[in-house]
C-alpha atoms as a PDB file:
ATOM      1  CA  UNK A   1       7.318  12.743  -7.876  1.00  0.00           C
ATOM      2  CA  UNK A   2       5.716   9.629  -8.570  1.00  0.00           C
ATOM      3  CA  UNK A   3       2.701   9.946 -10.282  1.00  0.00           C
ATOM      4  CA  UNK A   4      -1.181   8.847  -8.865  1.00  0.00           C
ATOM      5  CA  UNK A   5      -3.158   7.375 -11.840  1.00  0.00           C
ATOM      6  CA  UNK A   6      -6.802   6.769 -11.155  1.00  0.00           C
ATOM      7  CA  UNK A   7      -7.475   3.719 -13.306  1.00  0.00           C
ATOM      8  CA  UNK A   8     -11.312   3.055 -13.700  1.00  0.00           C
ATOM      9  CA  UNK A   9     -13.897   1.637 -15.464  1.00  0.00           C
ATOM     10  CA  UNK A  10     -17.081   3.231 -16.047  1.00  0.00           C
ATOM     11  CA  UNK A  11     -20.482   3.355 -17.904  1.00  0.00           C
ATOM     12  CA  UNK A  12     -21.179   6.001 -20.952  1.00  0.00           C
ATOM     13  CA  UNK A  13     -23.207   7.822 -17.868  1.00  0.00           C
ATOM     14  CA  UNK A  14     -20.198   8.111 -16.052  1.00  0.00           C
ATOM     15  CA  UNK A  15     -20.688   5.832 -13.244  1.00  0.00           C
ATOM     16  CA  UNK A  16     -18.176   3.097 -12.022  1.00  0.00           C
ATOM     17  CA  UNK A  17     -21.427   0.633 -10.452  1.00  0.00           C
ATOM     18  CA  UNK A  18     -24.554   0.807  -9.402  1.00  0.00           C
ATOM     19  CA  UNK A  19     -26.166   2.786  -6.041  1.00  0.00           C
ATOM     20  CA  UNK A  20     -23.929   0.010  -3.915  1.00  0.00           C
ATOM     21  CA  UNK A  21     -21.005   0.018  -6.134  1.00  0.00           C
ATOM     22  CA  UNK A  22     -21.199  -3.075  -7.686  1.00  0.00           C
ATOM     23  CA  UNK A  23     -19.637  -3.043 -11.536  1.00  0.00           C
ATOM     24  CA  UNK A  24     -19.881  -6.601 -12.048  1.00  0.00           C
ATOM     25  CA  UNK A  25     -22.360  -5.205 -15.293  1.00  0.00           C
ATOM     26  CA  UNK A  26     -18.864  -4.087 -16.851  1.00  0.00           C
ATOM     27  CA  UNK A  27     -17.297  -7.451 -16.881  1.00  0.00           C
ATOM     28  CA  UNK A  28     -18.865  -8.976 -20.349  1.00  0.00           C
ATOM     29  CA  UNK A  29     -16.974  -6.470 -22.022  1.00  0.00           C
ATOM     30  CA  UNK A  30     -13.526  -8.242 -21.141  1.00  0.00           C
ATOM     31  CA  UNK A  31     -13.381 -10.185 -24.391  1.00  0.00           C
ATOM     32  CA  UNK A  32      -9.675 -11.709 -26.112  1.00  0.00           C
ATOM     33  CA  UNK A  33      -8.892  -8.311 -27.729  1.00  0.00           C
ATOM     34  CA  UNK A  34      -9.305  -5.966 -24.262  1.00  0.00           C
ATOM     35  CA  UNK A  35      -7.900  -8.898 -22.149  1.00  0.00           C
ATOM     36  CA  UNK A  36      -4.661  -8.555 -24.293  1.00  0.00           C
ATOM     37  CA  UNK A  37      -4.659  -4.715 -24.206  1.00  0.00           C
ATOM     38  CA  UNK A  38      -5.332  -4.852 -19.972  1.00  0.00           C
ATOM     39  CA  UNK A  39      -2.230  -7.774 -19.959  1.00  0.00           C
ATOM     40  CA  UNK A  40       0.024  -5.831 -22.640  1.00  0.00           C
ATOM     41  CA  UNK A  41      -0.301  -1.725 -21.471  1.00  0.00           C
ATOM     42  CA  UNK A  42      -2.063  -2.274 -17.395  1.00  0.00           C
ATOM     43  CA  UNK A  43      -0.381  -5.529 -16.216  1.00  0.00           C
ATOM     44  CA  UNK A  44      -0.679  -4.707 -12.824  1.00  0.00           C
ATOM     45  CA  UNK A  45      -4.350  -3.754 -12.763  1.00  0.00           C
ATOM     46  CA  UNK A  46      -5.209  -7.401 -12.529  1.00  0.00           C
ATOM     47  CA  UNK A  47      -6.047  -8.618  -9.251  1.00  0.00           C
ATOM     48  CA  UNK A  48      -3.002 -11.335  -8.981  1.00  0.00           C
ATOM     49  CA  UNK A  49      -5.875 -14.201  -8.208  1.00  0.00           C
ATOM     50  CA  UNK A  50      -7.485 -13.447 -11.411  1.00  0.00           C
ATOM     51  CA  UNK A  51      -4.115 -13.392 -13.116  1.00  0.00           C
ATOM     52  CA  UNK A  52      -3.376 -16.932 -11.441  1.00  0.00           C
ATOM     53  CA  UNK A  53      -6.359 -17.897 -12.882  1.00  0.00           C
ATOM     54  CA  UNK A  54      -5.636 -16.795 -16.300  1.00  0.00           C
ATOM     55  CA  UNK A  55      -2.155 -18.340 -16.717  1.00  0.00           C
ATOM     56  CA  UNK A  56      -0.419 -15.182 -16.742  1.00  0.00           C
ATOM     57  CA  UNK A  57       0.995 -15.148 -13.223  1.00  0.00           C
ATOM     58  CA  UNK A  58       4.375 -13.892 -14.413  1.00  0.00           C
ATOM     59  CA  UNK A  59       3.612 -10.568 -15.865  1.00  0.00           C
ATOM     60  CA  UNK A  60       5.819  -7.620 -14.683  1.00  0.00           C
ATOM     61  CA  UNK A  61       4.946  -4.393 -13.248  1.00  0.00           C
ATOM     62  CA  UNK A  62       4.986  -2.098 -16.115  1.00  0.00           C
ATOM     63  CA  UNK A  63       3.571   1.321 -15.068  1.00  0.00           C
ATOM     64  CA  UNK A  64       2.527   0.831 -10.886  1.00  0.00           C
ATOM     65  CA  UNK A  65       4.572  -0.343  -7.808  1.00  0.00           C
ATOM     66  CA  UNK A  66       1.707   0.693  -5.087  1.00  0.00           C
ATOM     67  CA  UNK A  67      -1.858   0.216  -4.694  1.00  0.00           C
ATOM     68  CA  UNK A  68      -4.428   2.357  -2.548  1.00  0.00           C
ATOM     69  CA  UNK A  69      -7.889   0.686  -2.638  1.00  0.00           C
ATOM     70  CA  UNK A  70     -11.158   2.258  -1.551  1.00  0.00           C
ATOM     71  CA  UNK A  71     -12.428   0.284   1.458  1.00  0.00           C
ATOM     72  CA  UNK A  72     -15.455  -1.302  -0.897  1.00  0.00           C
ATOM     73  CA  UNK A  73     -13.170  -2.631  -3.802  1.00  0.00           C
ATOM     74  CA  UNK A  74     -10.992  -4.334  -0.959  1.00  0.00           C
ATOM     75  CA  UNK A  75     -14.269  -5.698   1.128  1.00  0.00           C
ATOM     76  CA  UNK A  76     -15.051  -7.603  -2.474  1.00  0.00           C
ATOM     77  CA  UNK A  77     -11.611  -9.461  -2.236  1.00  0.00           C
ATOM     78  CA  UNK A  78     -11.894 -10.120   1.450  1.00  0.00           C
ATOM     79  CA  UNK A  79     -15.552 -11.440   1.133  1.00  0.00           C
ATOM     80  CA  UNK A  80     -14.214 -14.172  -1.313  1.00  0.00           C
ATOM     81  CA  UNK A  81     -11.384 -14.590   1.443  1.00  0.00           C
ATOM     82  CA  UNK A  82      -8.204 -12.762  -0.307  1.00  0.00           C
ATOM     83  CA  UNK A  83      -6.573 -10.258   1.970  1.00  0.00           C
ATOM     84  CA  UNK A  84      -4.309  -9.704  -0.299  1.00  0.00           C
ATOM     85  CA  UNK A  85      -5.647  -8.997  -4.227  1.00  0.00           C
ATOM     86  CA  UNK A  86      -2.624  -7.204  -5.393  1.00  0.00           C
ATOM     87  CA  UNK A  87      -0.261  -9.244  -4.119  1.00  0.00           C
ATOM     88  CA  UNK A  88       2.504  -8.279  -6.832  1.00  0.00           C
ATOM     89  CA  UNK A  89       2.113  -4.227  -5.489  1.00  0.00           C
ATOM     90  CA  UNK A  90       2.685  -2.588  -2.645  1.00  0.00           C
ATOM     91  CA  UNK A  91      -1.082  -2.667  -0.790  1.00  0.00           C
ATOM     92  CA  UNK A  92      -2.828   0.246   0.971  1.00  0.00           C
ATOM     93  CA  UNK A  93      -6.639   0.501   2.006  1.00  0.00           C
ATOM     94  CA  UNK A  94      -7.993   4.065   2.556  1.00  0.00           C
ATOM     95  CA  UNK A  95     -10.269   3.805   5.493  1.00  0.00           C
ATOM     96  CA  UNK A  96     -11.134   5.108   8.022  1.00  0.00           C
ATOM     97  CA  UNK A  97     -13.436   2.225   9.670  1.00  0.00           C
ATOM     98  CA  UNK A  98     -10.888  -0.397   9.516  1.00  0.00           C
ATOM     99  CA  UNK A  99      -8.077  -0.037  12.276  1.00  0.00           C
ATOM    100  CA  UNK A 100      -6.457  -2.961  12.029  1.00  0.00           C
ATOM    101  CA  UNK A 101      -5.163  -4.616   8.376  1.00  0.00           C
ATOM    102  CA  UNK A 102      -6.203  -8.073   7.971  1.00  0.00           C
ATOM    103  CA  UNK A 103      -2.957  -8.837   6.044  1.00  0.00           C
ATOM    104  CA  UNK A 104       0.653  -7.929   7.583  1.00  0.00           C
ATOM    105  CA  UNK A 105       1.441  -6.778   3.971  1.00  0.00           C
ATOM    106  CA  UNK A 106      -1.873  -4.092   3.523  1.00  0.00           C
ATOM    107  CA  UNK A 107      -1.196  -0.954   5.168  1.00  0.00           C
ATOM    108  CA  UNK A 108      -4.196   1.057   6.408  1.00  0.00           C
ATOM    109  CA  UNK A 109      -4.352   4.899   5.058  1.00  0.00           C
ATOM    110  CA  UNK A 110      -6.566   6.623   7.895  1.00  0.00           C
ATOM    111  CA  UNK A 111      -7.247   9.867   8.947  1.00  0.00           C
ATOM    112  CA  UNK A 112      -4.919  12.587   6.939  1.00  0.00           C
ATOM    113  CA  UNK A 113      -4.981  10.291   3.794  1.00  0.00           C
ATOM    114  CA  UNK A 114      -3.958  13.479   1.375  1.00  0.00           C
ATOM    115  CA  UNK A 115      -1.237  13.950   3.679  1.00  0.00           C
ATOM    116  CA  UNK A 116      -0.256  10.111   3.338  1.00  0.00           C
ATOM    117  CA  UNK A 117      -0.665  10.163  -0.408  1.00  0.00           C
ATOM    118  CA  UNK A 118       1.721  12.807  -0.656  1.00  0.00           C
ATOM    119  CA  UNK A 119       4.523  11.058   0.878  1.00  0.00           C
ATOM    120  CA  UNK A 120       3.764   8.181  -1.139  1.00  0.00           C
ATOM    121  CA  UNK A 121       4.055  10.673  -3.978  1.00  0.00           C
ATOM    122  CA  UNK A 122       7.281  12.019  -2.986  1.00  0.00           C
ATOM    123  CA  UNK A 123       9.456   8.737  -2.734  1.00  0.00           C
ATOM    124  CA  UNK A 124      11.808   7.553  -5.175  1.00  0.00           C
ATOM    125  CA  UNK A 125      11.261   5.373  -7.860  1.00  0.00           C
ATOM    126  CA  UNK A 126       9.890   5.018 -11.498  1.00  0.00           C
ATOM    127  CA  UNK A 127       6.494   3.452 -11.155  1.00  0.00           C
ATOM    128  CA  UNK A 128       3.356   4.958 -10.048  1.00  0.00           C
ATOM    129  CA  UNK A 129       0.678   4.517  -7.587  1.00  0.00           C
ATOM    130  CA  UNK A 130      -2.383   2.937  -8.761  1.00  0.00           C
ATOM    131  CA  UNK A 131      -5.613   4.539  -7.195  1.00  0.00           C
ATOM    132  CA  UNK A 132      -8.291   1.324  -7.693  1.00  0.00           C
ATOM    133  CA  UNK A 133     -12.094   2.331  -7.468  1.00  0.00           C
ATOM    134  CA  UNK A 134     -13.579   3.954  -4.351  1.00  0.00           C
ATOM    135  CA  UNK A 135     -15.709   7.163  -5.643  1.00  0.00           C
ATOM    136  CA  UNK A 136     -15.126   8.962  -2.013  1.00  0.00           C
ATOM    137  CA  UNK A 137     -11.906   8.187  -2.181  1.00  0.00           C
ATOM    138  CA  UNK A 138     -11.140  10.085  -5.395  1.00  0.00           C
ATOM    139  CA  UNK A 139     -13.465  12.760  -4.669  1.00  0.00           C
ATOM    140  CA  UNK A 140     -10.749  13.184  -1.205  1.00  0.00           C
ATOM    141  CA  UNK A 141      -8.062  12.870  -3.564  1.00  0.00           C
ATOM    142  CA  UNK A 142      -8.875  15.077  -6.641  1.00  0.00           C
ATOM    143  CA  UNK A 143      -6.107  17.632  -6.178  1.00  0.00           C
ATOM    144  CA  UNK A 144      -3.354  14.684  -5.908  1.00  0.00           C
ATOM    145  CA  UNK A 145      -4.730  12.774  -9.092  1.00  0.00           C
ATOM    146  CA  UNK A 146      -2.058  13.576 -11.776  1.00  0.00           C
ATOM    147  CA  UNK A 147      -3.670  11.375 -14.604  1.00  0.00           C
ATOM    148  CA  UNK A 148      -7.001   9.187 -15.395  1.00  0.00           C
ATOM    149  CA  UNK A 149      -7.324   6.245 -17.429  1.00  0.00           C
ATOM    150  CA  UNK A 150     -10.658   5.371 -17.919  1.00  0.00           C
ATOM    151  CA  UNK A 151     -12.305   2.447 -19.598  1.00  0.00           C
ATOM    152  CA  UNK A 152     -15.721   3.250 -20.486  1.00  0.00           C
ATOM    153  CA  UNK A 153     -17.566   0.879 -21.322  1.00  0.00           C
ATOM    154  CA  UNK A 154     -20.992   0.715 -24.231  1.00  0.00           C
ATOM    155  CA  UNK A 155     -23.775   0.834 -21.243  1.00  0.00           C
ATOM    156  CA  UNK A 156     -25.913   3.411 -19.269  1.00  0.00           C
ATOM    157  CA  UNK A 157     -26.585   2.915 -15.564  1.00  0.00           C
ATOM    158  CA  UNK A 158     -29.346   5.710 -15.399  1.00  0.00           C
ATOM    159  CA  UNK A 159     -28.350   5.981 -11.693  1.00  0.00           C
ATOM    160  CA  UNK A 160     -24.789   4.560  -9.324  1.00  0.00           C
ATOM    161  CA  UNK A 161     -21.683   5.440  -7.852  1.00  0.00           C
ATOM    162  CA  UNK A 162     -20.205   8.647  -9.627  1.00  0.00           C
ATOM    163  CA  UNK A 163     -16.748   8.316 -10.399  1.00  0.00           C
ATOM    164  CA  UNK A 164     -16.045  11.372  -7.992  1.00  0.00           C
ATOM    165  CA  UNK A 165     -17.651  11.333  -4.651  1.00  0.00           C
ATOM    166  CA  UNK A 166     -17.080  14.932  -3.726  1.00  0.00           C
ATOM    167  CA  UNK A 167     -18.747  18.558  -4.201  1.00  0.00           C
ATOM    168  CA  UNK A 168     -18.695  20.704  -7.271  1.00  0.00           C
ATOM    169  CA  UNK A 169     -15.168  21.989  -8.696  1.00  0.00           C
ATOM    170  CA  UNK A 170     -13.874  22.329 -12.196  1.00  0.00           C
ATOM    171  CA  UNK A 171     -11.103  20.525 -12.348  1.00  0.00           C
ATOM    172  CA  UNK A 172      -8.568  20.465 -15.963  1.00  0.00           C
ATOM    173  CA  UNK A 173      -7.256  17.457 -17.530  1.00  0.00           C
ATOM    174  CA  UNK A 174      -5.560  17.415 -21.223  1.00  0.00           C
ATOM    175  CA  UNK A 175      -6.802  14.485 -23.396  1.00  0.00           C
ATOM    176  CA  UNK A 176      -3.510  12.178 -24.441  1.00  0.00           C
ATOM    177  CA  UNK A 177      -4.859   9.064 -26.006  1.00  0.00           C
ATOM    178  CA  UNK A 178      -8.226   7.081 -27.044  1.00  0.00           C
ATOM    179  CA  UNK A 179      -8.056   3.573 -27.605  1.00  0.00           C
ATOM    180  CA  UNK A 180     -11.502   2.106 -29.367  1.00  0.00           C
ATOM    181  CA  UNK A 181     -12.037  -1.745 -29.124  1.00  0.00           C
ATOM    182  CA  UNK A 182     -13.745  -3.707 -31.296  1.00  0.00           C
ATOM    183  CA  UNK A 183     -16.577  -4.520 -28.103  1.00  0.00           C
ATOM    184  CA  UNK A 184     -17.202  -0.868 -27.653  1.00  0.00           C
ATOM    185  CA  UNK A 185     -15.417   0.156 -24.891  1.00  0.00           C
ATOM    186  CA  UNK A 186     -13.050   3.029 -25.024  1.00  0.00           C
ATOM    187  CA  UNK A 187      -9.977   3.798 -22.782  1.00  0.00           C
ATOM    188  CA  UNK A 188      -9.029   7.283 -22.697  1.00  0.00           C
ATOM    189  CA  UNK A 189      -6.011   9.162 -21.012  1.00  0.00           C
ATOM    190  CA  UNK A 190      -6.089  12.116 -19.313  1.00  0.00           C
ATOM    191  CA  UNK A 191      -3.191  14.119 -17.970  1.00  0.00           C
ATOM    192  CA  UNK A 192      -3.697  16.909 -15.265  1.00  0.00           C
ATOM    193  CA  UNK A 193      -3.584  20.240 -16.346  1.00  0.00           C
ATOM    194  CA  UNK A 194      -1.205  22.226 -13.435  1.00  0.00           C
END
């Protein structure tokens, strides 16, 4: 069974972006030390166009071979004219409103997201599935998430988009590791308690 990992950036108070989902307030914290960590430990989470711009287009996938993006995350790329932001991965977009993919290599996951994700998790393969953004999607898939990788940035937003857009439910995860960076960023990894 392949692992579904919610790999997300958030503020100290647990928001992944402002009320509209904009996470640009966290970008200044990607300094040389932190970028080296991302490049080494989570290379596939760097968008294809960002990898090219940084001259690291040749990085091999280490943890993931598939990405599921929320519609809001995908729209950020579309606004820049990029229809396949993670061309080095198999790309899926979770959306009930986007009925046709703007790119033949990007598949839309629609009405029964949980069932479709379960099918992806049941596939053979050593690499996992990267859940990228989407508070509502993360809330809907909470029971399917096997691992959390939370990049916490040293800012407080006060209000915004929560990590999980779901109703109240206590779900336990066990802390696996914590890594601190000189810029104040913490990366915490948790495994789901089953």
